[in-house]
Amino acid sequence: MAKKANAEKAQNAAANEAAAKENGVINNEAAQATPTAEPATEQPQTVGEVVKNILDKEAETRREIERRQAELDKRLEDLERMKELCNHRQKFIETDKALEKALGRLDGDEFTNPHFRILLKDVEQYGDKGEVVAISNTDLIREFVLMLRSKIAAKVEEIETELMS
């Protein structure tokens, strides 16, 4: 009977082992006997390697910050240039409106205009002593105002083109 019990135990153990293998369970003895492929672990780094890695990352971060700062500086410079162009455009438009208003007051074919004069002055002189030329001829003043308005319109168009690009 003892032989029969031992044979049953062996048969049950074999059946259990076969069932465990089918379910993915391996008994301890087989697991110890069968080497498993473990992922390769990195060798511990030395203190010098750790410090070098930290310094490399810090240098990379510093370079990235400097690159971004340069990019921001360039954008800021571009914005300042755009602001300056807008201010110049506005001044030209205001001057053109003033010239248009003056052109409306240049009436008649009088040789001299009682309302307007074009003065060429030496600004280093004080008072009226610096006056070099004074033009009061209506036709010359009209031509001068029209020429100025034409130049202003061209400049405003040039500025607007630059602002749009």
Protein backbone atom coordinates (compact mmCIF):
# COMPACT_ATOMS: atom_id res chain seq x y z
CA MET A 1 0.00 0.00 0.00
CA ALA A 2 2.77 2.35 0.70
CA LYS A 3 4.03 1.77 -2.78
CA LYS A 4 0.64 2.56 -4.18
CA ALA A 5 0.41 5.81 -2.13
CA ASN A 6 3.89 6.87 -3.25
CA ALA A 7 3.01 6.15 -6.87
CA GLU A 8 -0.18 8.22 -6.53
CA LYS A 9 1.76 11.10 -4.98
CA ALA A 10 4.29 11.03 -7.80
CA GLN A 11 1.50 10.87 -10.40
CA ASN A 12 -0.36 13.78 -8.72
CA ALA A 13 2.86 15.81 -8.54
CA ALA A 14 3.53 15.21 -12.26
CA ALA A 15 -0.05 16.21 -13.12
CA ASN A 16 0.18 19.36 -10.97
CA GLU A 17 3.51 20.29 -12.59
CA ALA A 18 2.07 19.81 -16.08
CA ALA A 19 -0.96 21.94 -15.21
CA ALA A 20 1.26 24.64 -13.70
CA LYS A 21 3.40 24.77 -16.84
CA GLU A 22 0.29 25.19 -18.96
CA ASN A 23 -0.83 28.08 -16.74
CA GLY A 24 2.61 29.71 -16.82
CA VAL A 25 3.61 28.75 -13.31
CA ILE A 26 6.98 27.04 -12.89
CA ASN A 27 7.90 25.18 -9.75
CA ASN A 28 10.70 26.54 -7.63
CA GLU A 29 13.22 23.84 -8.43
CA ALA A 30 12.75 24.27 -12.17
CA ALA A 31 12.92 28.04 -11.83
CA GLN A 32 16.16 27.82 -9.94
CA ALA A 33 17.62 25.40 -12.44
CA THR A 34 16.55 27.42 -15.50
CA PRO A 35 18.41 30.70 -15.88
CA THR A 36 16.16 33.62 -16.84
CA ALA A 37 17.21 36.53 -19.00
CA GLU A 38 17.29 39.54 -16.69
CA PRO A 39 17.58 43.03 -18.18
CA ALA A 40 21.10 44.29 -18.21
CA THR A 41 21.63 46.72 -15.39
CA GLU A 42 23.90 49.70 -15.79
CA GLN A 43 27.07 49.79 -13.86
CA PRO A 44 26.92 52.30 -11.06
CA GLN A 45 28.34 55.64 -12.12
CA THR A 46 31.29 57.14 -10.42
CA VAL A 47 31.00 60.50 -8.71
CA GLY A 48 33.04 62.07 -11.49
CA GLU A 49 30.66 60.75 -14.15
CA VAL A 50 27.63 62.02 -12.22
CA VAL A 51 29.21 65.47 -11.85
CA LYS A 52 30.17 65.51 -15.55
CA ASN A 53 26.57 64.63 -16.54
CA ILE A 54 25.19 67.37 -14.31
CA LEU A 55 27.63 69.94 -15.72
CA ASP A 56 26.82 68.88 -19.28
CA LYS A 57 23.09 69.28 -18.65
CA GLU A 58 23.69 72.66 -17.01
CA ALA A 59 25.77 73.85 -19.98
CA GLU A 60 23.10 72.65 -22.40
CA THR A 61 20.41 74.47 -20.40
CA ARG A 62 22.53 77.64 -20.33
CA ARG A 63 23.02 77.50 -24.12
CA GLU A 64 19.28 77.05 -24.64
CA ILE A 65 18.52 80.03 -22.38
CA GLU A 66 21.05 82.17 -24.25
CA ARG A 67 19.55 81.13 -27.60
CA ARG A 68 16.05 82.01 -26.43
CA GLN A 69 17.26 85.33 -24.98
CA ALA A 70 18.87 86.22 -28.30
CA GLU A 71 15.63 85.33 -30.09
CA LEU A 72 13.61 87.51 -27.70
CA ASP A 73 16.09 90.39 -28.12
CA LYS A 74 15.72 90.16 -31.90
CA ARG A 75 11.92 90.17 -31.64
CA LEU A 76 12.02 93.14 -29.28
CA GLU A 77 14.31 95.00 -31.69
CA ASP A 78 11.88 94.26 -34.54
CA LEU A 79 8.95 95.53 -32.45
CA GLU A 80 10.83 98.73 -31.57
CA ARG A 81 11.55 99.28 -35.27
CA MET A 82 7.86 98.75 -36.09
CA LYS A 83 6.86 101.22 -33.38
CA GLU A 84 9.29 103.79 -34.79
CA LEU A 85 7.89 103.27 -38.30
CA CYS A 86 4.33 103.72 -37.00
CA ASN A 87 5.32 106.96 -35.30
CA HIS A 88 6.96 108.26 -38.50
CA ARG A 89 3.91 107.26 -40.54
CA GLN A 90 1.62 109.12 -38.15
CA LYS A 91 3.77 112.26 -38.30
CA PHE A 92 3.78 112.16 -42.12
CA ILE A 93 -0.01 111.79 -42.19
CA GLU A 94 -0.46 114.74 -39.80
CA THR A 95 1.88 116.88 -41.92
CA ASP A 96 0.00 115.89 -45.10
CA LYS A 97 -3.31 116.95 -43.51
CA ALA A 98 -1.81 120.31 -42.52
CA LEU A 99 -0.47 120.79 -46.07
CA GLU A 100 -3.85 119.86 -47.55
CA LYS A 101 -5.52 122.45 -45.33
CA ALA A 102 -2.95 125.07 -46.36
CA LEU A 103 -3.43 124.18 -50.03
CA GLY A 104 -7.14 124.98 -49.65
CA ARG A 105 -6.24 128.46 -48.42
CA LEU A 106 -3.94 129.15 -51.39
CA ASP A 107 -6.59 130.90 -53.41
CA GLY A 108 -6.35 133.14 -56.39
CA ASP A 109 -3.55 133.88 -58.81
CA GLU A 110 -1.99 136.64 -56.80
CA PHE A 111 1.72 137.08 -57.31
CA THR A 112 2.29 137.20 -53.57
CA ASN A 113 0.19 135.34 -51.06
CA PRO A 114 -0.83 137.29 -47.97
CA HIS A 115 -1.32 134.11 -45.87
CA PHE A 116 1.78 131.98 -46.52
CA ARG A 117 5.52 132.24 -47.07
CA ILE A 118 8.18 129.62 -47.50
CA LEU A 119 11.17 130.57 -45.39
CA LEU A 120 14.69 129.29 -45.67
CA LYS A 121 16.51 130.21 -42.48
CA ASP A 122 19.87 129.77 -40.90
CA VAL A 123 18.77 128.39 -37.55
CA GLU A 124 22.05 129.24 -35.88
CA GLN A 125 21.09 132.91 -36.11
CA TYR A 126 18.70 134.44 -33.58
CA GLY A 127 15.72 136.50 -34.63
CA ASP A 128 15.11 137.55 -38.22
CA LYS A 129 18.82 137.86 -38.96
CA GLY A 130 18.96 134.19 -39.97
CA GLU A 131 16.45 134.54 -42.82
CA VAL A 132 18.10 133.71 -46.13
CA VAL A 133 15.12 133.43 -48.51
CA ALA A 134 11.40 134.11 -48.16
CA ILE A 135 9.08 132.97 -50.97
CA SER A 136 5.54 134.33 -51.02
CA ASN A 137 4.60 133.67 -54.66
CA THR A 138 1.31 131.74 -54.72
CA ASP A 139 2.25 129.51 -57.67
CA LEU A 140 5.62 128.54 -56.18
CA ILE A 141 4.07 127.84 -52.80
CA ARG A 142 1.34 125.71 -54.43
CA GLU A 143 3.90 123.71 -56.43
CA PHE A 144 6.03 123.25 -53.34
CA VAL A 145 3.07 122.04 -51.25
CA LEU A 146 1.97 119.62 -54.00
CA MET A 147 5.50 118.28 -54.35
CA LEU A 148 5.75 117.79 -50.56
CA ARG A 149 2.39 115.99 -50.44
CA SER A 150 3.51 113.70 -53.26
CA LYS A 151 6.76 112.84 -51.46
CA ILE A 152 4.88 112.29 -48.19
CA ALA A 153 2.37 109.95 -49.87
CA ALA A 154 5.24 107.91 -51.36
CA LYS A 155 6.97 107.70 -47.99
CA VAL A 156 3.77 106.66 -46.19
CA GLU A 157 3.25 103.93 -48.79
CA GLU A 158 6.85 102.76 -48.32
CA ILE A 159 6.41 102.62 -44.53
CA GLU A 160 3.11 100.74 -44.83
CA THR A 161 4.73 98.20 -47.16
CA GLU A 162 7.53 97.64 -44.65
CA LEU A 163 5.04 97.31 -41.79
CA MET A 164 3.02 94.71 -43.70
CA SER A 165 6.05 92.55 -44.54
